[in-house]
Amino acid sequence: VTIQRLLVESALAGSRPTVTVGKDQLVALMEIRRVLAGV
């Protein structure tokens, strides 16, 4: 993202994860879910 977007998201997100962080966490969780499906 741009620095401007990073600053706006970070300031307005409060204690919630920003869109950027949320996407990364979502990708990680989806991978865990895939592994869990294999188990």
Full PDB file with SEQRES, HELIX, SHEET, SSBOND, CRYST1, ORIGX, SCALE, CONECT and MASTER records, all heavy atoms in Angstrom:
SEQRES   1 A   39  VAL THR ILE GLN ARG LEU LEU VAL GLU SER ALA LEU ALA          
SEQRES   2 A   39  GLY SER ARG PRO THR VAL THR VAL GLY LYS ASP GLN LEU          
SEQRES   3 A   39  VAL ALA LEU MET GLU ILE ARG ARG VAL LEU ALA GLY VAL          
HELIX    1 AA1 ILE A    3  ALA A   13  1                                  11    
HELIX    2 AA2 VAL A   19  GLY A   38  1                                  20    
CRYST1    1.000    1.000    1.000  90.00  90.00  90.00 P 1           1          
ORIGX1      1.000000  0.000000  0.000000        0.00000                         
ORIGX2      0.000000  1.000000  0.000000        0.00000                         
ORIGX3      0.000000  0.000000  1.000000        0.00000                         
SCALE1      1.000000  0.000000  0.000000        0.00000                         
SCALE2      0.000000  1.000000  0.000000        0.00000                         
SCALE3      0.000000  0.000000  1.000000        0.00000                         
ATOM      1  N   VAL A   1       0.854  -1.185   0.000  1.00  0.00           N  
ATOM      2  CA  VAL A   1       0.000   0.000   0.000  1.00  0.00           C  
ATOM      3  C   VAL A   1       0.891   1.235   0.000  1.00  0.00           C  
ATOM      4  O   VAL A   1       2.094   1.144   0.230  1.00  0.00           O  
ATOM      5  CB  VAL A   1      -0.948   0.038   1.226  1.00  0.00           C  
ATOM      6  CG1 VAL A   1      -1.926  -1.116   1.202  1.00  0.00           C  
ATOM      7  CG2 VAL A   1      -0.170   0.054   2.525  1.00  0.00           C  
ATOM      8  N   THR A   2       0.278   2.382  -0.230  1.00  0.00           N  
ATOM      9  CA  THR A   2       1.033   3.632  -0.142  1.00  0.00           C  
ATOM     10  C   THR A   2       1.205   4.012   1.333  1.00  0.00           C  
ATOM     11  O   THR A   2       0.469   3.533   2.199  1.00  0.00           O  
ATOM     12  CB  THR A   2       0.295   4.776  -0.862  1.00  0.00           C  
ATOM     13  OG1 THR A   2      -0.952   4.987  -0.208  1.00  0.00           O  
ATOM     14  CG2 THR A   2       0.089   4.457  -2.344  1.00  0.00           C  
ATOM     15  N   ILE A   3       2.157   4.880   1.597  1.00  0.00           N  
ATOM     16  CA  ILE A   3       2.358   5.351   2.968  1.00  0.00           C  
ATOM     17  C   ILE A   3       1.099   6.086   3.440  1.00  0.00           C  
ATOM     18  O   ILE A   3       0.667   5.920   4.584  1.00  0.00           O  
ATOM     19  CB  ILE A   3       3.609   6.239   3.080  1.00  0.00           C  
ATOM     20  CG1 ILE A   3       4.870   5.384   2.898  1.00  0.00           C  
ATOM     21  CG2 ILE A   3       3.649   6.964   4.420  1.00  0.00           C  
ATOM     22  CD1 ILE A   3       6.170   6.157   2.896  1.00  0.00           C  
ATOM     23  N   GLN A   4       0.479   6.855   2.563  1.00  0.00           N  
ATOM     24  CA  GLN A   4      -0.734   7.575   2.932  1.00  0.00           C  
ATOM     25  C   GLN A   4      -1.830   6.597   3.359  1.00  0.00           C  
ATOM     26  O   GLN A   4      -2.494   6.802   4.384  1.00  0.00           O  
ATOM     27  CB  GLN A   4      -1.232   8.429   1.753  1.00  0.00           C  
ATOM     28  CG  GLN A   4      -0.319   9.580   1.414  1.00  0.00           C  
ATOM     29  CD  GLN A   4       0.848   9.184   0.499  1.00  0.00           C  
ATOM     30  OE1 GLN A   4       1.143   8.021   0.266  1.00  0.00           O  
ATOM     31  NE2 GLN A   4       1.536  10.195  -0.008  1.00  0.00           N  
ATOM     32  N   ARG A   5      -2.019   5.538   2.590  1.00  0.00           N  
ATOM     33  CA  ARG A   5      -3.051   4.559   2.937  1.00  0.00           C  
ATOM     34  C   ARG A   5      -2.711   3.874   4.257  1.00  0.00           C  
ATOM     35  O   ARG A   5      -3.574   3.653   5.099  1.00  0.00           O  
ATOM     36  CB  ARG A   5      -3.202   3.532   1.822  1.00  0.00           C  
ATOM     37  CG  ARG A   5      -4.282   2.518   2.146  1.00  0.00           C  
ATOM     38  CD  ARG A   5      -4.588   1.609   0.997  1.00  0.00           C  
ATOM     39  NE  ARG A   5      -5.690   0.728   1.352  1.00  0.00           N  
ATOM     40  CZ  ARG A   5      -6.328  -0.033   0.508  1.00  0.00           C  
ATOM     41  NH1 ARG A   5      -5.995  -0.025  -0.767  1.00  0.00           N  
ATOM     42  NH2 ARG A   5      -7.308  -0.815   0.908  1.00  0.00           N  
ATOM     43  N   LEU A   6      -1.435   3.546   4.438  1.00  0.00           N  
ATOM     44  CA  LEU A   6      -0.997   2.917   5.678  1.00  0.00           C  
ATOM     45  C   LEU A   6      -1.323   3.802   6.882  1.00  0.00           C  
ATOM     46  O   LEU A   6      -1.861   3.332   7.882  1.00  0.00           O  
ATOM     47  CB  LEU A   6       0.510   2.643   5.626  1.00  0.00           C  
ATOM     48  CG  LEU A   6       1.141   2.106   6.898  1.00  0.00           C  
ATOM     49  CD1 LEU A   6       0.725   0.657   7.122  1.00  0.00           C  
ATOM     50  CD2 LEU A   6       2.646   2.223   6.836  1.00  0.00           C  
ATOM     51  N   LEU A   7      -1.032   5.088   6.776  1.00  0.00           N  
ATOM     52  CA  LEU A   7      -1.295   6.009   7.881  1.00  0.00           C  
ATOM     53  C   LEU A   7      -2.788   6.143   8.163  1.00  0.00           C  
ATOM     54  O   LEU A   7      -3.216   6.099   9.323  1.00  0.00           O  
ATOM     55  CB  LEU A   7      -0.682   7.375   7.580  1.00  0.00           C  
ATOM     56  CG  LEU A   7       0.847   7.439   7.573  1.00  0.00           C  
ATOM     57  CD1 LEU A   7       1.324   8.802   7.078  1.00  0.00           C  
ATOM     58  CD2 LEU A   7       1.409   7.121   8.944  1.00  0.00           C  
ATOM     59  N   VAL A   8      -3.598   6.277   7.127  1.00  0.00           N  
ATOM     60  CA  VAL A   8      -5.044   6.429   7.317  1.00  0.00           C  
ATOM     61  C   VAL A   8      -5.623   5.155   7.924  1.00  0.00           C  
ATOM     62  O   VAL A   8      -6.379   5.207   8.901  1.00  0.00           O  
ATOM     63  CB  VAL A   8      -5.739   6.788   5.983  1.00  0.00           C  
ATOM     64  CG1 VAL A   8      -7.260   6.690   6.105  1.00  0.00           C  
ATOM     65  CG2 VAL A   8      -5.339   8.188   5.543  1.00  0.00           C  
ATOM     66  N   GLU A   9      -5.284   3.999   7.357  1.00  0.00           N  
ATOM     67  CA  GLU A   9      -5.809   2.736   7.884  1.00  0.00           C  
ATOM     68  C   GLU A   9      -5.403   2.529   9.336  1.00  0.00           C  
ATOM     69  O   GLU A   9      -6.222   2.125  10.165  1.00  0.00           O  
ATOM     70  CB  GLU A   9      -5.310   1.554   7.058  1.00  0.00           C  
ATOM     71  CG  GLU A   9      -6.009   1.373   5.740  1.00  0.00           C  
ATOM     72  CD  GLU A   9      -5.522   0.138   5.014  1.00  0.00           C  
ATOM     73  OE1 GLU A   9      -4.661  -0.599   5.548  1.00  0.00           O  
ATOM     74  OE2 GLU A   9      -6.009  -0.099   3.908  1.00  0.00           O  
ATOM     75  N   SER A  10      -4.146   2.778   9.628  1.00  0.00           N  
ATOM     76  CA  SER A  10      -3.645   2.559  10.983  1.00  0.00           C  
ATOM     77  C   SER A  10      -4.343   3.475  11.983  1.00  0.00           C  
ATOM     78  O   SER A  10      -4.705   3.043  13.075  1.00  0.00           O  
ATOM     79  CB  SER A  10      -2.140   2.804  11.044  1.00  0.00           C  
ATOM     80  OG  SER A  10      -1.464   1.894  10.210  1.00  0.00           O  
ATOM     81  N   ALA A  11      -4.531   4.720  11.611  1.00  0.00           N  
ATOM     82  CA  ALA A  11      -5.168   5.669  12.526  1.00  0.00           C  
ATOM     83  C   ALA A  11      -6.644   5.356  12.745  1.00  0.00           C  
ATOM     84  O   ALA A  11      -7.154   5.471  13.856  1.00  0.00           O  
ATOM     85  CB  ALA A  11      -5.012   7.086  11.977  1.00  0.00           C  
ATOM     86  N   LEU A  12      -7.339   4.941  11.705  1.00  0.00           N  
ATOM     87  CA  LEU A  12      -8.778   4.721  11.810  1.00  0.00           C  
ATOM     88  C   LEU A  12      -9.151   3.319  12.268  1.00  0.00           C  
ATOM     89  O   LEU A  12     -10.293   3.081  12.638  1.00  0.00           O  
ATOM     90  CB  LEU A  12      -9.447   5.018  10.457  1.00  0.00           C  
ATOM     91  CG  LEU A  12      -9.311   6.467   9.975  1.00  0.00           C  
ATOM     92  CD1 LEU A  12      -9.981   6.629   8.615  1.00  0.00           C  
ATOM     93  CD2 LEU A  12      -9.888   7.438  10.980  1.00  0.00           C  
ATOM     94  N   ALA A  13      -8.193   2.413  12.260  1.00  0.00           N  
ATOM     95  CA  ALA A  13      -8.493   1.023  12.623  1.00  0.00           C  
ATOM     96  C   ALA A  13      -8.688   0.851  14.125  1.00  0.00           C  
ATOM     97  O   ALA A  13      -9.347  -0.086  14.559  1.00  0.00           O  
ATOM     98  CB  ALA A  13      -7.379   0.099  12.142  1.00  0.00           C  
ATOM     99  N   GLY A  14      -8.125   1.723  14.933  1.00  0.00           N  
ATOM    100  CA  GLY A  14      -8.217   1.563  16.387  1.00  0.00           C  
ATOM    101  C   GLY A  14      -7.504   0.285  16.798  1.00  0.00           C  
ATOM    102  O   GLY A  14      -6.379   0.043  16.397  1.00  0.00           O  
ATOM    103  N   SER A  15      -8.176  -0.554  17.580  1.00  0.00           N  
ATOM    104  CA  SER A  15      -7.550  -1.792  18.038  1.00  0.00           C  
ATOM    105  C   SER A  15      -7.732  -2.935  17.042  1.00  0.00           C  
ATOM    106  O   SER A  15      -7.164  -4.000  17.209  1.00  0.00           O  
ATOM    107  CB  SER A  15      -8.137  -2.203  19.396  1.00  0.00           C  
ATOM    108  OG  SER A  15      -9.524  -2.449  19.255  1.00  0.00           O  
ATOM    109  N   ARG A  16      -8.546  -2.705  16.004  1.00  0.00           N  
ATOM    110  CA  ARG A  16      -8.742  -3.747  14.989  1.00  0.00           C  
ATOM    111  C   ARG A  16      -7.546  -3.775  14.045  1.00  0.00           C  
ATOM    112  O   ARG A  16      -6.877  -2.766  13.856  1.00  0.00           O  
ATOM    113  CB  ARG A  16      -9.989  -3.452  14.156  1.00  0.00           C  
ATOM    114  CG  ARG A  16     -11.275  -3.468  14.945  1.00  0.00           C  
ATOM    115  CD  ARG A  16     -12.372  -2.964  14.072  1.00  0.00           C  
ATOM    116  NE  ARG A  16     -11.905  -1.691  13.506  1.00  0.00           N  
ATOM    117  CZ  ARG A  16     -12.643  -0.840  12.840  1.00  0.00           C  
ATOM    118  NH1 ARG A  16     -13.880  -1.101  12.610  1.00  0.00           N  
ATOM    119  NH2 ARG A  16     -12.147   0.274  12.386  1.00  0.00           N  
ATOM    120  N   PRO A  17      -7.299  -4.916  13.405  1.00  0.00           N  
ATOM    121  CA  PRO A  17      -6.217  -4.952  12.433  1.00  0.00           C  
ATOM    122  C   PRO A  17      -6.574  -4.108  11.208  1.00  0.00           C  
ATOM    123  O   PRO A  17      -7.745  -3.988  10.866  1.00  0.00           O  
ATOM    124  CB  PRO A  17      -6.112  -6.430  12.043  1.00  0.00           C  
ATOM    125  CG  PRO A  17      -7.242  -7.124  12.687  1.00  0.00           C  
ATOM    126  CD  PRO A  17      -7.945  -6.188  13.596  1.00  0.00           C  
ATOM    127  N   THR A  18      -5.577  -3.514  10.584  1.00  0.00           N  
ATOM    128  CA  THR A  18      -5.825  -2.745   9.373  1.00  0.00           C  
ATOM    129  C   THR A  18      -6.174  -3.703   8.242  1.00  0.00           C  
ATOM    130  O   THR A  18      -5.983  -4.911   8.351  1.00  0.00           O  
ATOM    131  CB  THR A  18      -4.573  -1.936   8.974  1.00  0.00           C  
ATOM    132  OG1 THR A  18      -3.526  -2.846   8.662  1.00  0.00           O  
ATOM    133  CG2 THR A  18      -4.153  -0.986  10.073  1.00  0.00           C  
ATOM    134  N   VAL A  19      -6.674  -3.163   7.146  1.00  0.00           N  
ATOM    135  CA  VAL A  19      -7.018  -3.990   5.990  1.00  0.00           C  
ATOM    136  C   VAL A  19      -5.795  -4.775   5.536  1.00  0.00           C  
ATOM    137  O   VAL A  19      -5.862  -5.972   5.254  1.00  0.00           O  
ATOM    138  CB  VAL A  19      -7.540  -3.098   4.842  1.00  0.00           C  
ATOM    139  CG1 VAL A  19      -7.680  -3.895   3.561  1.00  0.00           C  
ATOM    140  CG2 VAL A  19      -8.858  -2.466   5.234  1.00  0.00           C  
ATOM    141  N   THR A  20      -4.659  -4.108   5.517  1.00  0.00           N  
ATOM    142  CA  THR A  20      -3.432  -4.749   5.059  1.00  0.00           C  
ATOM    143  C   THR A  20      -3.037  -5.902   5.969  1.00  0.00           C  
ATOM    144  O   THR A  20      -2.773  -7.011   5.509  1.00  0.00           O  
ATOM    145  CB  THR A  20      -2.288  -3.713   5.003  1.00  0.00           C  
ATOM    146  OG1 THR A  20      -2.717  -2.621   4.190  1.00  0.00           O  
ATOM    147  CG2 THR A  20      -1.041  -4.314   4.433  1.00  0.00           C  
ATOM    148  N   VAL A  21      -3.003  -5.661   7.262  1.00  0.00           N  
ATOM    149  CA  VAL A  21      -2.653  -6.713   8.214  1.00  0.00           C  
ATOM    150  C   VAL A  21      -3.701  -7.807   8.178  1.00  0.00           C  
ATOM    151  O   VAL A  21      -3.389  -8.991   8.205  1.00  0.00           O  
ATOM    152  CB  VAL A  21      -2.498  -6.131   9.636  1.00  0.00           C  
ATOM    153  CG1 VAL A  21      -2.344  -7.230  10.661  1.00  0.00           C  
ATOM    154  CG2 VAL A  21      -1.313  -5.185   9.692  1.00  0.00           C  
ATOM    155  N   GLY A  22      -4.965  -7.399   8.103  1.00  0.00           N  
ATOM    156  CA  GLY A  22      -6.053  -8.368   8.051  1.00  0.00           C  
ATOM    157  C   GLY A  22      -5.935  -9.319   6.876  1.00  0.00           C  
ATOM    158  O   GLY A  22      -6.189 -10.514   7.007  1.00  0.00           O  
ATOM    159  N   LYS A  23      -5.526  -8.810   5.711  1.00  0.00           N  
ATOM    160  CA  LYS A  23      -5.355  -9.662   4.528  1.00  0.00           C  
ATOM    161  C   LYS A  23      -4.273 -10.694   4.778  1.00  0.00           C  
ATOM    162  O   LYS A  23      -4.435 -11.869   4.451  1.00  0.00           O  
ATOM    163  CB  LYS A  23      -5.000  -8.818   3.302  1.00  0.00           C  
ATOM    164  CG  LYS A  23      -6.140  -8.043   2.728  1.00  0.00           C  
ATOM    165  CD  LYS A  23      -5.667  -7.250   1.523  1.00  0.00           C  
ATOM    166  CE  LYS A  23      -6.730  -6.331   1.007  1.00  0.00           C  
ATOM    167  NZ  LYS A  23      -6.236  -5.497  -0.100  1.00  0.00           N  
ATOM    168  N   ASP A  24      -3.161 -10.256   5.347  1.00  0.00           N  
ATOM    169  CA  ASP A  24      -2.060 -11.184   5.623  1.00  0.00           C  
ATOM    170  C   ASP A  24      -2.493 -12.254   6.620  1.00  0.00           C  
ATOM    171  O   ASP A  24      -2.184 -13.427   6.467  1.00  0.00           O  
ATOM    172  CB  ASP A  24      -0.833 -10.429   6.159  1.00  0.00           C  
ATOM    173  CG  ASP A  24      -0.202  -9.522   5.113  1.00  0.00           C  
ATOM    174  OD1 ASP A  24      -0.478  -9.725   3.909  1.00  0.00           O  
ATOM    175  OD2 ASP A  24       0.553  -8.623   5.488  1.00  0.00           O  
ATOM    176  N   GLN A  25      -3.229 -11.848   7.655  1.00  0.00           N  
ATOM    177  CA  GLN A  25      -3.705 -12.811   8.646  1.00  0.00           C  
ATOM    178  C   GLN A  25      -4.726 -13.754   8.031  1.00  0.00           C  
ATOM    179  O   GLN A  25      -4.743 -14.945   8.340  1.00  0.00           O  
ATOM    180  CB  GLN A  25      -4.302 -12.083   9.849  1.00  0.00           C  
ATOM    181  CG  GLN A  25      -3.253 -11.377  10.670  1.00  0.00           C  
ATOM    182  CD  GLN A  25      -3.844 -10.516  11.770  1.00  0.00           C  
ATOM    183  OE1 GLN A  25      -5.016 -10.161  11.729  1.00  0.00           O  
ATOM    184  NE2 GLN A  25      -3.029 -10.172  12.742  1.00  0.00           N  
ATOM    185  N   LEU A  26      -5.556 -13.241   7.157  1.00  0.00           N  
ATOM    186  CA  LEU A  26      -6.553 -14.078   6.496  1.00  0.00           C  
ATOM    187  C   LEU A  26      -5.869 -15.140   5.641  1.00  0.00           C  
ATOM    188  O   LEU A  26      -6.261 -16.305   5.670  1.00  0.00           O  
ATOM    189  CB  LEU A  26      -7.484 -13.216   5.647  1.00  0.00           C  
ATOM    190  CG  LEU A  26      -8.607 -13.934   4.921  1.00  0.00           C  
ATOM    191  CD1 LEU A  26      -9.538 -14.623   5.923  1.00  0.00           C  
ATOM    192  CD2 LEU A  26      -9.390 -12.963   4.058  1.00  0.00           C  
ATOM    193  N   VAL A  27      -4.840 -14.758   4.913  1.00  0.00           N  
ATOM    194  CA  VAL A  27      -4.102 -15.719   4.091  1.00  0.00           C  
ATOM    195  C   VAL A  27      -3.493 -16.804   4.979  1.00  0.00           C  
ATOM    196  O   VAL A  27      -3.577 -17.996   4.671  1.00  0.00           O  
ATOM    197  CB  VAL A  27      -3.008 -15.005   3.259  1.00  0.00           C  
ATOM    198  CG1 VAL A  27      -2.052 -16.000   2.631  1.00  0.00           C  
ATOM    199  CG2 VAL A  27      -3.651 -14.148   2.188  1.00  0.00           C  
ATOM    200  N   ALA A  28      -2.896 -16.398   6.105  1.00  0.00           N  
ATOM    201  CA  ALA A  28      -2.300 -17.369   7.028  1.00  0.00           C  
ATOM    202  C   ALA A  28      -3.365 -18.301   7.601  1.00  0.00           C  
ATOM    203  O   ALA A  28      -3.160 -19.524   7.692  1.00  0.00           O  
ATOM    204  CB  ALA A  28      -1.555 -16.653   8.148  1.00  0.00           C  
ATOM    205  N   LEU A  29      -4.504 -17.744   7.994  1.00  0.00           N  
ATOM    206  CA  LEU A  29      -5.576 -18.577   8.542  1.00  0.00           C  
ATOM    207  C   LEU A  29      -6.143 -19.532   7.497  1.00  0.00           C  
ATOM    208  O   LEU A  29      -6.474 -20.680   7.816  1.00  0.00           O  
ATOM    209  CB  LEU A  29      -6.684 -17.698   9.115  1.00  0.00           C  
ATOM    210  CG  LEU A  29      -6.343 -17.016  10.438  1.00  0.00           C  
ATOM    211  CD1 LEU A  29      -7.389 -15.969  10.778  1.00  0.00           C  
ATOM    212  CD2 LEU A  29      -6.226 -18.038  11.549  1.00  0.00           C  
ATOM    213  N   MET A  30      -6.249 -19.074   6.272  1.00  0.00           N  
ATOM    214  CA  MET A  30      -6.748 -19.961   5.210  1.00  0.00           C  
ATOM    215  C   MET A  30      -5.784 -21.127   4.992  1.00  0.00           C  
ATOM    216  O   MET A  30      -6.205 -22.255   4.738  1.00  0.00           O  
ATOM    217  CB  MET A  30      -6.956 -19.179   3.915  1.00  0.00           C  
ATOM    218  CG  MET A  30      -8.044 -18.124   4.021  1.00  0.00           C  
ATOM    219  SD  MET A  30      -9.664 -18.805   4.377  1.00  0.00           S  
ATOM    220  CE  MET A  30     -10.144 -19.307   2.756  1.00  0.00           C  
ATOM    221  N   GLU A  31      -4.485 -20.869   5.103  1.00  0.00           N  
ATOM    222  CA  GLU A  31      -3.503 -21.947   4.976  1.00  0.00           C  
ATOM    223  C   GLU A  31      -3.652 -22.937   6.125  1.00  0.00           C  
ATOM    224  O   GLU A  31      -3.599 -24.155   5.924  1.00  0.00           O  
ATOM    225  CB  GLU A  31      -2.086 -21.365   4.937  1.00  0.00           C  
ATOM    226  CG  GLU A  31      -0.981 -22.403   4.916  1.00  0.00           C  
ATOM    227  CD  GLU A  31      -0.976 -23.294   3.683  1.00  0.00           C  
ATOM    228  OE1 GLU A  31      -1.623 -22.968   2.672  1.00  0.00           O  
ATOM    229  OE2 GLU A  31      -0.315 -24.351   3.729  1.00  0.00           O  
ATOM    230  N   ILE A  32      -3.848 -22.421   7.341  1.00  0.00           N  
ATOM    231  CA  ILE A  32      -4.049 -23.299   8.493  1.00  0.00           C  
ATOM    232  C   ILE A  32      -5.309 -24.131   8.301  1.00  0.00           C  
ATOM    233  O   ILE A  32      -5.332 -25.327   8.588  1.00  0.00           O  
ATOM    234  CB  ILE A  32      -4.126 -22.474   9.801  1.00  0.00           C  
ATOM    235  CG1 ILE A  32      -2.767 -21.856  10.107  1.00  0.00           C  
ATOM    236  CG2 ILE A  32      -4.598 -23.336  10.963  1.00  0.00           C  
ATOM    237  CD1 ILE A  32      -2.802 -20.817  11.207  1.00  0.00           C  
ATOM    238  N   ARG A  33      -6.344 -23.510   7.797  1.00  0.00           N  
ATOM    239  CA  ARG A  33      -7.598 -24.221   7.551  1.00  0.00           C  
ATOM    240  C   ARG A  33      -7.391 -25.346   6.533  1.00  0.00           C  
ATOM    241  O   ARG A  33      -7.941 -26.434   6.665  1.00  0.00           O  
ATOM    242  CB  ARG A  33      -8.645 -23.227   7.051  1.00  0.00           C  
ATOM    243  CG  ARG A  33     -10.037 -23.767   6.987  1.00  0.00           C  
ATOM    244  CD  ARG A  33     -10.948 -22.720   6.383  1.00  0.00           C  
ATOM    245  NE  ARG A  33     -12.177 -22.611   7.121  1.00  0.00           N  
ATOM    246  CZ  ARG A  33     -13.137 -21.759   6.822  1.00  0.00           C  
ATOM    247  NH1 ARG A  33     -12.970 -20.912   5.834  1.00  0.00           N  
ATOM    248  NH2 ARG A  33     -14.253 -21.738   7.511  1.00  0.00           N  
ATOM    249  N   ARG A  34      -6.578 -25.073   5.498  1.00  0.00           N  
ATOM    250  CA  ARG A  34      -6.282 -26.080   4.481  1.00  0.00           C  
ATOM    251  C   ARG A  34      -5.547 -27.266   5.097  1.00  0.00           C  
ATOM    252  O   ARG A  34      -5.874 -28.433   4.849  1.00  0.00           O  
ATOM    253  CB  ARG A  34      -5.444 -25.470   3.353  1.00  0.00           C  
ATOM    254  CG  ARG A  34      -5.207 -26.416   2.181  1.00  0.00           C  
ATOM    255  CD  ARG A  34      -4.172 -25.870   1.216  1.00  0.00           C  
ATOM    256  NE  ARG A  34      -2.845 -25.799   1.804  1.00  0.00           N  
ATOM    257  CZ  ARG A  34      -2.062 -26.839   2.033  1.00  0.00           C  
ATOM    258  NH1 ARG A  34      -2.455 -28.055   1.742  1.00  0.00           N  
ATOM    259  NH2 ARG A  34      -0.868 -26.684   2.572  1.00  0.00           N  
ATOM    260  N   VAL A  35      -4.566 -26.977   5.944  1.00  0.00           N  
ATOM    261  CA  VAL A  35      -3.825 -28.047   6.621  1.00  0.00           C  
ATOM    262  C   VAL A  35      -4.755 -28.834   7.537  1.00  0.00           C  
ATOM    263  O   VAL A  35      -4.709 -30.077   7.585  1.00  0.00           O  
ATOM    264  CB  VAL A  35      -2.631 -27.465   7.412  1.00  0.00           C  
ATOM    265  CG1 VAL A  35      -1.993 -28.517   8.303  1.00  0.00           C  
ATOM    266  CG2 VAL A  35      -1.602 -26.878   6.451  1.00  0.00           C  
ATOM    267  N   LEU A  36      -5.618 -28.123   8.245  1.00  0.00           N  
ATOM    268  CA  LEU A  36      -6.570 -28.778   9.129  1.00  0.00           C  
ATOM    269  C   LEU A  36      -7.494 -29.704   8.331  1.00  0.00           C  
ATOM    270  O   LEU A  36      -7.826 -30.803   8.788  1.00  0.00           O  
ATOM    271  CB  LEU A  36      -7.387 -27.743   9.893  1.00  0.00           C  
ATOM    272  CG  LEU A  36      -8.427 -28.286  10.870  1.00  0.00           C  
ATOM    273  CD1 LEU A  36      -7.753 -29.127  11.950  1.00  0.00           C  
ATOM    274  CD2 LEU A  36      -9.206 -27.144  11.485  1.00  0.00           C  
ATOM    275  N   ALA A  37      -7.884 -29.290   7.146  1.00  0.00           N  
ATOM    276  CA  ALA A  37      -8.724 -30.141   6.299  1.00  0.00           C  
ATOM    277  C   ALA A  37      -7.982 -31.423   5.933  1.00  0.00           C  
ATOM    278  O   ALA A  37      -8.583 -32.508   5.889  1.00  0.00           O  
ATOM    279  CB  ALA A  37      -9.144 -29.390   5.040  1.00  0.00           C  
ATOM    280  N   GLY A  38      -6.673 -31.316   5.694  1.00  0.00           N  
ATOM    281  CA  GLY A  38      -5.871 -32.510   5.419  1.00  0.00           C  
ATOM    282  C   GLY A  38      -5.827 -33.444   6.613  1.00  0.00           C  
ATOM    283  O   GLY A  38      -5.933 -34.672   6.464  1.00  0.00           O  
ATOM    284  N   VAL A  39      -5.698 -32.867   7.810  1.00  0.00           N  
ATOM    285  CA  VAL A  39      -5.697 -33.678   9.037  1.00  0.00           C  
ATOM    286  C   VAL A  39      -7.045 -34.372   9.202  1.00  0.00           C  
ATOM    287  O   VAL A  39      -7.122 -35.558   9.531  1.00  0.00           O  
ATOM    288  CB  VAL A  39      -5.380 -32.796  10.275  1.00  0.00           C  
ATOM    289  CG1 VAL A  39      -5.606 -33.564  11.567  1.00  0.00           C  
ATOM    290  CG2 VAL A  39      -3.949 -32.279  10.205  1.00  0.00           C  
TER     291      VAL A  39                                                      
MASTER        0    0    0    2    0    0    0    6  290    1    0    3          
END                                                                             
